[in-house]
Amino acid sequence: MEDITYRSCMDTNLEEAELLIESSSPLGEGPIWDPKRQVLWWVDILEGLVHCHDPANGSNRSWSVGQLIGTIVTSENNRLVIAADKGFHWFDPETGNTELIVDPEPNKPENRFNDGKCDPSGRLWAGTMAINEEGNSGTLYCLHPNGKAETKEVGYAIPNGIVWNDNATIMYHIDSPTRRVDAWDYENATGNISNRRTVFQVTQEGAFPDGMAMDVEGKIWLALWGGWAVIRFDPVTGEELTRIPVPVSRTSACAFGSPNLDTLYITTAKKDITPEDLEKEPMAGCVFKSHPGVCGQAPVAFAG
């Protein structure tokens, strides 16, 4: 790994994130904006639920998919794709039905998929992990538009937060227990990755890197599990630039949305919070929003 001198800039704080959805989810995750429908999709991993929020009228809908679900993305054919404990599936919000695309780990029932997103060419990247969160049995996969799941890297404990820079030359990814954000050189034409190195290290006590989002200025917004915040950092300098306080300890992921992509949506969890601590954070598991003053990259749909 490359040695980096990390700096922290704590004097640029935004207002605390605003409550959006009183969901009280055990493990809210995977927010993603749907430009066609103008809605926010997100999931509850442990409940096996797909959620949809329409900011135009404030409505919320939910579907049960019958298995643990790590992430959801839009697709070019108006369906969606989910990564769950039994592989990659199509999801049809009109019927609520799922259809298997491929299960790359049929012999690993102890694993499930976790976080994932589509790269600039419309391939879906998502990693697996042990359901009991023990060991390093996880693998990072790339689902190609033809339905083939390619193994990209092994040895993950809790794969999380994948994003790409604007010119599609660098991919950023997390294995949460390492408390690092790593970068890879990335070939957009092939999806090949190489030259793994660390670009950011979480040093806040009790905090771990979780979901990420990239803004149009090339800076990364990172949800801190156990950190009561989402932070913005510079992946070139390793400097923390901005911090959005969240009234929940377990911030799990963030995504830019709204018509101008200027709203940052934040999912959270109440998993493993004691009843006593829940009294200190009664909004644990809810969805929040913030207006950070910068727009995000447009989300990419799966090209299959």
Protein backbone atom coordinates (compact mmCIF):
# COMPACT_ATOMS: atom_id res chain seq x y z
CA MET A 1 0.00 0.00 0.00
CA GLU A 2 1.06 3.57 -0.67
CA ASP A 3 1.87 5.73 2.37
CA ILE A 4 -0.22 8.91 2.58
CA THR A 5 -0.16 11.78 5.03
CA TYR A 6 -3.79 12.37 5.99
CA ARG A 7 -5.12 15.76 6.93
CA SER A 8 -8.42 16.75 8.49
CA CYS A 9 -10.32 19.99 7.96
CA MET A 10 -13.10 20.15 10.55
CA ASP A 11 -14.05 23.82 10.34
CA THR A 12 -16.46 23.56 7.41
CA ASN A 13 -19.65 22.04 8.81
CA LEU A 14 -23.07 22.02 7.22
CA GLU A 15 -26.35 22.04 9.11
CA GLU A 16 -27.56 18.76 10.54
CA ALA A 17 -29.29 16.48 8.06
CA GLU A 18 -33.08 16.84 7.91
CA LEU A 19 -35.46 13.94 8.59
CA LEU A 20 -37.14 12.78 5.37
CA ILE A 21 -38.70 9.33 5.98
CA GLU A 22 -39.64 7.92 9.38
CA SER A 23 -38.72 4.38 8.40
CA SER A 24 -36.98 2.98 11.50
CA SER A 25 -35.18 0.38 9.35
CA PRO A 26 -32.93 -2.24 10.93
CA LEU A 27 -30.43 -1.77 8.10
CA GLY A 28 -31.36 0.93 5.58
CA GLU A 29 -28.92 1.00 2.65
CA GLY A 30 -28.34 1.47 -1.06
CA PRO A 31 -30.02 4.80 -1.92
CA ILE A 32 -30.04 5.63 -5.62
CA TRP A 33 -31.84 8.29 -7.63
CA ASP A 34 -33.98 7.25 -10.60
CA PRO A 35 -33.84 10.07 -13.21
CA LYS A 36 -36.61 8.57 -15.37
CA ARG A 37 -39.16 8.16 -12.60
CA GLN A 38 -37.80 11.04 -10.48
CA VAL A 39 -37.89 8.89 -7.34
CA LEU A 40 -35.47 7.61 -4.74
CA TRP A 41 -34.93 3.87 -4.37
CA TRP A 42 -33.34 2.32 -1.29
CA VAL A 43 -33.37 -1.00 0.55
CA ASP A 44 -33.60 -2.53 3.99
CA ILE A 45 -31.10 -5.36 3.92
CA LEU A 46 -32.29 -7.36 6.90
CA GLU A 47 -36.01 -6.98 6.19
CA GLY A 48 -35.56 -7.85 2.50
CA LEU A 49 -37.44 -4.75 1.39
CA VAL A 50 -37.21 -2.47 -1.62
CA HIS A 51 -38.41 1.06 -0.84
CA CYS A 52 -39.38 3.89 -3.18
CA HIS A 53 -39.83 7.54 -2.17
CA ASP A 54 -41.43 10.13 -4.46
CA PRO A 55 -40.28 13.62 -3.39
CA ALA A 56 -42.94 15.27 -5.56
CA ASN A 57 -45.80 14.06 -3.38
CA GLY A 58 -44.00 12.59 -0.37
CA SER A 59 -45.36 9.08 -0.99
CA ASN A 60 -43.55 5.87 -0.06
CA ARG A 61 -43.97 2.33 -1.38
CA SER A 62 -42.35 -0.93 -0.31
CA TRP A 63 -41.95 -4.43 -1.77
CA SER A 64 -40.71 -7.60 -0.09
CA VAL A 65 -38.29 -9.63 -2.22
CA GLY A 66 -38.07 -12.61 0.14
CA GLN A 67 -34.31 -12.50 0.70
CA LEU A 68 -31.61 -10.27 2.13
CA ILE A 69 -30.99 -7.46 -0.36
CA GLY A 70 -27.75 -5.50 -0.51
CA THR A 71 -28.35 -2.95 -3.23
CA ILE A 72 -30.61 -1.82 -6.05
CA VAL A 73 -29.90 -0.01 -9.34
CA THR A 74 -31.96 1.16 -12.27
CA SER A 75 -31.66 -0.39 -15.73
CA GLU A 76 -32.10 0.76 -19.28
CA ASN A 77 -35.12 -1.52 -19.78
CA ASN A 78 -37.21 0.19 -17.05
CA ARG A 79 -36.83 -2.72 -14.67
CA LEU A 80 -34.38 -2.60 -11.79
CA VAL A 81 -31.60 -4.91 -10.67
CA ILE A 82 -31.06 -6.08 -7.12
CA ALA A 83 -28.07 -7.87 -5.57
CA ALA A 84 -29.33 -10.15 -2.81
CA ASP A 85 -28.31 -13.26 -0.88
CA LYS A 86 -29.14 -15.49 -3.85
CA GLY A 87 -27.40 -13.51 -6.58
CA PHE A 88 -28.32 -10.81 -9.06
CA HIS A 89 -32.02 -10.49 -9.99
CA TRP A 90 -34.24 -8.36 -12.14
CA PHE A 91 -36.91 -6.55 -10.12
CA ASP A 92 -40.13 -5.32 -11.72
CA PRO A 93 -41.79 -2.58 -9.63
CA GLU A 94 -45.03 -2.96 -11.59
CA THR A 95 -45.55 -6.52 -10.39
CA GLY A 96 -43.10 -6.82 -7.50
CA ASN A 97 -41.68 -9.96 -9.12
CA THR A 98 -38.01 -10.92 -9.29
CA GLU A 99 -36.19 -12.95 -11.95
CA LEU A 100 -32.74 -14.47 -11.48
CA ILE A 101 -29.97 -13.14 -13.70
CA VAL A 102 -27.09 -15.12 -12.19
CA ASP A 103 -26.00 -16.42 -8.81
CA PRO A 104 -22.18 -16.36 -8.73
CA GLU A 105 -22.02 -18.10 -5.33
CA PRO A 106 -24.54 -20.98 -5.38
CA ASN A 107 -22.31 -22.98 -3.03
CA LYS A 108 -21.95 -20.21 -0.45
CA PRO A 109 -25.33 -19.92 1.30
CA GLU A 110 -23.55 -18.27 4.22
CA ASN A 111 -22.82 -15.20 2.04
CA ARG A 112 -24.97 -12.34 0.79
CA PHE A 113 -24.45 -9.35 -1.46
CA ASN A 114 -23.83 -5.95 0.06
CA ASP A 115 -23.34 -2.52 -1.52
CA GLY A 116 -22.91 -1.94 -5.25
CA LYS A 117 -23.36 0.50 -8.13
CA CYS A 118 -23.04 0.68 -11.92
CA ASP A 119 -19.83 1.86 -13.54
CA PRO A 120 -19.75 4.49 -16.32
CA SER A 121 -20.34 1.78 -18.95
CA GLY A 122 -23.38 0.30 -17.21
CA ARG A 123 -21.79 -2.76 -15.60
CA LEU A 124 -23.01 -3.51 -12.07
CA TRP A 125 -20.30 -3.95 -9.43
CA ALA A 126 -21.25 -5.46 -6.06
CA GLY A 127 -19.47 -7.40 -3.36
CA THR A 128 -20.47 -10.34 -1.19
CA MET A 129 -19.84 -10.86 2.52
CA ALA A 130 -20.61 -13.35 5.27
CA ILE A 131 -24.13 -12.96 6.63
CA ASN A 132 -22.73 -13.27 10.16
CA GLU A 133 -20.12 -10.58 9.33
CA GLU A 134 -17.25 -12.86 10.33
CA GLY A 135 -14.15 -13.61 8.27
CA ASN A 136 -13.11 -12.47 4.81
CA SER A 137 -15.17 -14.70 2.51
CA GLY A 138 -16.44 -11.84 0.35
CA THR A 139 -15.77 -11.29 -3.34
CA LEU A 140 -16.15 -8.23 -5.56
CA TYR A 141 -18.09 -9.08 -8.74
CA CYS A 142 -18.79 -7.23 -11.95
CA LEU A 143 -22.10 -8.10 -13.62
CA HIS A 144 -21.78 -7.50 -17.36
CA PRO A 145 -24.78 -6.53 -19.50
CA ASN A 146 -24.78 -10.04 -21.00
CA GLY A 147 -25.54 -11.50 -17.57
CA LYS A 148 -22.05 -12.85 -16.84
CA ALA A 149 -20.71 -12.21 -13.32
CA GLU A 150 -16.94 -11.75 -13.34
CA THR A 151 -14.80 -12.12 -10.21
CA LYS A 152 -12.70 -8.99 -9.68
CA GLU A 153 -11.17 -9.30 -6.20
CA VAL A 154 -11.44 -11.66 -3.23
CA GLY A 155 -10.88 -11.55 0.52
CA TYR A 156 -13.47 -8.94 1.53
CA ALA A 157 -15.07 -8.71 4.96
CA ILE A 158 -17.69 -6.00 4.32
CA PRO A 159 -17.44 -4.55 0.77
CA ASN A 160 -18.95 -1.10 0.55
CA GLY A 161 -19.25 2.25 -1.20
CA ILE A 162 -18.13 2.03 -4.84
CA VAL A 163 -17.80 5.12 -7.10
CA TRP A 164 -15.86 6.28 -10.17
CA ASN A 165 -14.27 9.59 -11.07
CA ASP A 166 -15.68 11.79 -13.81
CA ASN A 167 -13.38 10.65 -16.62
CA ALA A 168 -13.73 6.96 -15.69
CA THR A 169 -10.05 6.35 -14.96
CA ILE A 170 -10.26 5.64 -11.22
CA MET A 171 -12.56 3.37 -9.21
CA TYR A 172 -12.94 3.85 -5.44
CA HIS A 173 -14.02 1.02 -3.16
CA ILE A 174 -14.16 0.13 0.54
CA ASP A 175 -13.71 -2.88 2.78
CA SER A 176 -15.24 -1.32 5.89
CA PRO A 177 -13.23 -3.03 8.68
CA THR A 178 -9.99 -1.72 7.16
CA ARG A 179 -11.30 1.84 7.70
CA ARG A 180 -9.80 2.73 4.30
CA VAL A 181 -11.06 4.05 1.00
CA ASP A 182 -8.99 2.42 -1.74
CA ALA A 183 -8.52 3.50 -5.35
CA TRP A 184 -7.83 1.41 -8.44
CA ASP A 185 -6.73 2.41 -11.91
CA TYR A 186 -9.76 1.70 -14.07
CA GLU A 187 -10.22 0.90 -17.78
CA ASN A 188 -13.70 1.92 -18.85
CA ALA A 189 -13.60 -0.04 -22.11
CA THR A 190 -12.90 -3.38 -20.42
CA GLY A 191 -13.69 -2.89 -16.73
CA ASN A 192 -10.16 -3.96 -15.80
CA ILE A 193 -8.78 -2.68 -12.49
CA SER A 194 -5.18 -2.47 -11.24
CA ASN A 195 -2.79 -0.63 -8.94
CA ARG A 196 -4.78 -0.70 -5.70
CA ARG A 197 -3.80 1.99 -3.18
CA THR A 198 -5.26 3.85 -0.19
CA VAL A 199 -6.53 7.42 -0.66
CA PHE A 200 -8.36 8.06 2.61
CA GLN A 201 -8.20 6.67 6.13
CA VAL A 202 -10.98 7.09 8.68
CA THR A 203 -9.42 8.08 12.00
CA GLN A 204 -12.52 9.09 14.00
CA GLU A 205 -12.87 6.78 16.96
CA GLY A 206 -15.61 4.19 16.50
CA ALA A 207 -16.31 5.19 12.90
CA PHE A 208 -16.07 3.03 9.77
CA PRO A 209 -16.44 3.97 6.08
CA ASP A 210 -19.69 2.78 4.51
CA GLY A 211 -21.56 4.03 1.40
CA MET A 212 -20.18 6.74 -0.90
CA ALA A 213 -21.27 9.24 -3.55
CA MET A 214 -19.20 11.31 -6.00
CA ASP A 215 -19.94 14.98 -6.73
CA VAL A 216 -19.30 16.94 -9.92
CA GLU A 217 -16.17 18.50 -8.43
CA GLY A 218 -14.51 15.12 -8.03
CA LYS A 219 -14.90 15.00 -4.25
CA ILE A 220 -16.35 12.00 -2.40
CA TRP A 221 -19.15 12.02 0.17
CA LEU A 222 -18.74 9.21 2.68
CA ALA A 223 -21.22 7.85 5.23
CA LEU A 224 -19.54 7.06 8.55
CA TRP A 225 -21.00 4.01 10.29
CA GLY A 226 -20.66 4.81 13.98
CA GLY A 227 -19.62 8.36 13.16
CA TRP A 228 -22.90 10.33 13.35
CA ALA A 229 -22.05 12.05 10.05
CA VAL A 230 -21.48 12.11 6.33
CA ILE A 231 -18.19 13.69 5.34
CA ARG A 232 -16.79 15.09 2.10
CA PHE A 233 -13.15 14.40 1.33
CA ASP A 234 -10.65 15.04 -1.44
CA PRO A 235 -9.40 11.70 -2.83
CA VAL A 236 -6.27 13.40 -4.18
CA THR A 237 -5.05 15.00 -0.95
CA GLY A 238 -6.79 12.80 1.62
CA GLU A 239 -8.23 15.92 3.24
CA GLU A 240 -11.62 16.02 4.94
CA LEU A 241 -13.42 19.08 3.59
CA THR A 242 -16.95 19.11 4.95
CA ARG A 243 -19.04 17.32 7.56
CA ILE A 244 -22.83 16.90 7.70
CA PRO A 245 -23.93 15.91 11.21
CA VAL A 246 -26.64 13.22 11.30
CA PRO A 247 -28.69 12.59 14.49
CA VAL A 248 -28.03 8.86 14.12
CA SER A 249 -24.81 6.99 14.85
CA ARG A 250 -25.08 4.41 12.07
CA THR A 251 -25.13 6.39 8.82
CA SER A 252 -24.94 3.73 6.12
CA ALA A 253 -24.96 5.31 2.66
CA CYS A 254 -25.64 8.48 0.69
CA ALA A 255 -26.68 9.39 -2.85
CA PHE A 256 -27.34 12.57 -4.79
CA GLY A 257 -30.84 13.04 -6.14
CA SER A 258 -33.65 15.47 -7.07
CA PRO A 259 -34.05 16.94 -10.58
CA ASN A 260 -30.80 18.93 -10.29
CA LEU A 261 -28.94 16.25 -8.28
CA ASP A 262 -28.39 18.82 -5.53
CA THR A 263 -29.99 16.89 -2.65
CA LEU A 264 -27.96 14.36 -0.70
CA TYR A 265 -30.09 11.48 0.58
CA ILE A 266 -28.76 9.56 3.59
CA THR A 267 -29.83 6.12 4.81
CA THR A 268 -29.23 4.93 8.38
CA ALA A 269 -29.70 1.85 10.55
CA LYS A 270 -30.70 0.83 14.04
CA LYS A 271 -29.00 -2.58 13.88
CA ASP A 272 -27.23 -3.56 17.13
CA ILE A 273 -28.28 -0.39 18.97
CA THR A 274 -29.31 -1.17 22.53
CA PRO A 275 -32.72 -0.04 23.81
CA GLU A 276 -30.93 2.39 26.10
CA ASP A 277 -28.98 3.95 23.22
CA LEU A 278 -32.09 4.11 21.06
CA GLU A 279 -33.44 6.62 23.53
CA LYS A 280 -30.49 8.85 22.56
CA GLU A 281 -31.10 8.42 18.82
CA PRO A 282 -34.82 7.75 18.32
CA MET A 283 -34.55 8.42 14.57
CA ALA A 284 -32.14 5.52 14.00
CA GLY A 285 -33.10 3.70 10.79
CA CYS A 286 -34.76 6.75 9.20
CA VAL A 287 -33.82 8.41 5.90
CA PHE A 288 -32.47 11.96 5.91
CA LYS A 289 -31.63 14.62 3.35
CA SER A 290 -29.24 17.55 3.10
CA HIS A 291 -28.47 20.33 0.64
CA PRO A 292 -24.68 20.37 0.58
CA GLY A 293 -24.24 23.17 -1.97
CA VAL A 294 -22.79 20.98 -4.72
CA CYS A 295 -24.38 18.66 -7.28
CA GLY A 296 -23.68 14.98 -7.65
CA GLN A 297 -22.77 12.86 -10.63
CA ALA A 298 -25.70 11.48 -12.60
CA PRO A 299 -26.34 7.83 -11.67
CA VAL A 300 -25.69 5.21 -14.36
CA ALA A 301 -28.28 2.56 -15.21
CA PHE A 302 -27.43 -1.09 -15.77
CA ALA A 303 -26.91 -1.62 -19.51
CA GLY A 304 -28.42 -5.11 -19.66
